[in-house]
Amino acid sequence: MTGVVNKFFVASIFMCVAPIAILYGFNLNLFPGTTGLSPESTTLWSGVLAVVSVNAVIAWYIYMAMKEPSDKHEPDPKFLADAKASINQSGPTNEVSLPNRTKRE
């Protein structure tokens, strides 16, 4: 359980930090080759790369979640017993009869 929380925390941090770092890196000309770009191009490319970085972090998180072994997660036996009991329990049926709807001419 701790591993899942750690991965979620790391992914959340990267989803916040990566786009902001890319935006500031482009606006402050920290990346090589950005000094010759016009302000419109700088804004466009920094925005596109910020969105791509967020999508890359989401893809990484999904990949890590899919890579986790599914056999180590065991459902709580008490929860399963309660769920089965609630399904098998027959309660009163609340059937609502609808009035006969016929077309009047």
Protein backbone atom coordinates (compact mmCIF):
# COMPACT_ATOMS: atom_id res chain seq x y z
CA MET A 1 0.00 0.00 0.00
CA THR A 2 2.86 2.35 0.75
CA GLY A 3 4.29 1.84 -2.73
CA VAL A 4 1.02 2.92 -4.34
CA VAL A 5 0.87 6.07 -2.23
CA ASN A 6 4.50 6.89 -3.02
CA LYS A 7 3.92 6.48 -6.77
CA PHE A 8 0.82 8.65 -6.58
CA PHE A 9 2.71 11.33 -4.63
CA VAL A 10 5.63 11.32 -7.08
CA ALA A 11 3.28 11.49 -10.08
CA SER A 12 1.35 14.36 -8.49
CA ILE A 13 4.54 16.31 -7.84
CA PHE A 14 5.75 15.79 -11.41
CA MET A 15 2.35 16.80 -12.79
CA CYS A 16 2.69 20.12 -10.98
CA VAL A 17 6.41 20.79 -11.38
CA ALA A 18 7.13 19.63 -14.95
CA PRO A 19 4.76 21.98 -16.83
CA ILE A 20 5.71 24.98 -14.71
CA ALA A 21 9.42 24.25 -15.19
CA ILE A 22 8.93 23.97 -18.95
CA LEU A 23 6.98 27.24 -19.11
CA TYR A 24 9.59 29.12 -17.08
CA GLY A 25 12.44 27.46 -18.98
CA PHE A 26 11.07 28.69 -22.27
CA ASN A 27 10.19 32.17 -21.03
CA LEU A 28 13.61 32.66 -19.41
CA ASN A 29 15.48 31.14 -22.40
CA LEU A 30 17.01 28.37 -20.28
CA PHE A 31 16.66 25.76 -23.03
CA PRO A 32 19.16 25.89 -25.89
CA GLY A 33 17.74 27.20 -29.16
CA THR A 34 14.92 29.21 -27.60
CA THR A 35 16.64 32.58 -27.84
CA GLY A 36 15.88 32.93 -31.56
CA LEU A 37 12.17 32.23 -31.23
CA SER A 38 9.56 34.94 -31.42
CA PRO A 39 7.44 35.55 -28.32
CA GLU A 40 4.46 33.88 -30.00
CA SER A 41 6.50 30.80 -30.87
CA THR A 42 7.93 30.66 -27.37
CA THR A 43 4.45 30.74 -25.88
CA LEU A 44 3.15 28.14 -28.32
CA TRP A 45 6.01 25.67 -27.89
CA SER A 46 6.15 26.04 -24.11
CA GLY A 47 2.42 25.38 -23.86
CA VAL A 48 2.55 22.37 -26.17
CA LEU A 49 5.50 20.85 -24.33
CA ALA A 50 3.87 21.51 -20.94
CA VAL A 51 0.76 19.60 -22.06
CA VAL A 52 2.91 16.79 -23.47
CA SER A 53 4.82 16.56 -20.18
CA VAL A 54 1.60 16.17 -18.19
CA ASN A 55 0.40 13.47 -20.58
CA ALA A 56 3.77 11.71 -20.26
CA VAL A 57 3.45 11.70 -16.46
CA ILE A 58 -0.09 10.30 -16.73
CA ALA A 59 1.12 7.58 -19.12
CA TRP A 60 3.98 6.73 -16.76
CA TYR A 61 1.58 6.46 -13.82
CA ILE A 62 -0.78 4.21 -15.77
CA TYR A 63 2.15 2.02 -16.85
CA MET A 64 3.36 1.69 -13.26
CA ALA A 65 -0.16 0.85 -12.08
CA MET A 66 -0.57 -1.82 -14.75
CA LYS A 67 2.83 -3.29 -13.90
CA GLU A 68 1.89 -3.96 -10.27
CA PRO A 69 1.15 -7.60 -9.53
CA SER A 70 -2.56 -8.20 -9.10
CA ASP A 71 -2.17 -11.28 -6.91
CA LYS A 72 -0.84 -9.35 -3.94
CA HIS A 73 -4.12 -7.48 -3.47
CA GLU A 74 -6.51 -9.53 -1.38
CA PRO A 75 -10.03 -8.31 -0.60
CA ASP A 76 -11.08 -7.98 3.01
CA PRO A 77 -12.94 -11.19 4.05
CA LYS A 78 -15.36 -9.31 6.32
CA PHE A 79 -16.26 -6.94 3.49
CA LEU A 80 -16.88 -9.88 1.15
CA ALA A 81 -19.07 -11.63 3.71
CA ASP A 82 -21.11 -8.47 4.31
CA ALA A 83 -21.50 -7.88 0.57
CA LYS A 84 -22.69 -11.44 -0.06
CA ALA A 85 -25.13 -11.19 2.86
CA SER A 86 -26.58 -7.95 1.53
CA ILE A 87 -27.04 -9.45 -1.93
CA ASN A 88 -28.71 -12.59 -0.60
CA GLN A 89 -30.97 -10.62 1.73
CA SER A 90 -34.42 -10.34 0.21
CA GLY A 91 -36.06 -7.06 1.05
CA PRO A 92 -39.51 -5.73 0.26
CA THR A 93 -40.03 -5.02 -3.40
CA ASN A 94 -41.24 -1.59 -4.26
CA GLU A 95 -42.93 -2.13 -7.57
CA VAL A 96 -44.65 0.95 -8.78
CA SER A 97 -47.54 0.29 -11.11
CA LEU A 98 -47.76 2.74 -13.93
CA PRO A 99 -51.17 3.79 -15.15
CA ASN A 100 -52.25 2.30 -18.43
CA ARG A 101 -51.21 4.81 -21.05
CA THR A 102 -53.25 4.59 -24.17
CA LYS A 103 -53.38 7.05 -26.98
CA ARG A 104 -56.53 9.14 -27.01
CA GLU A 105 -57.85 10.41 -30.29
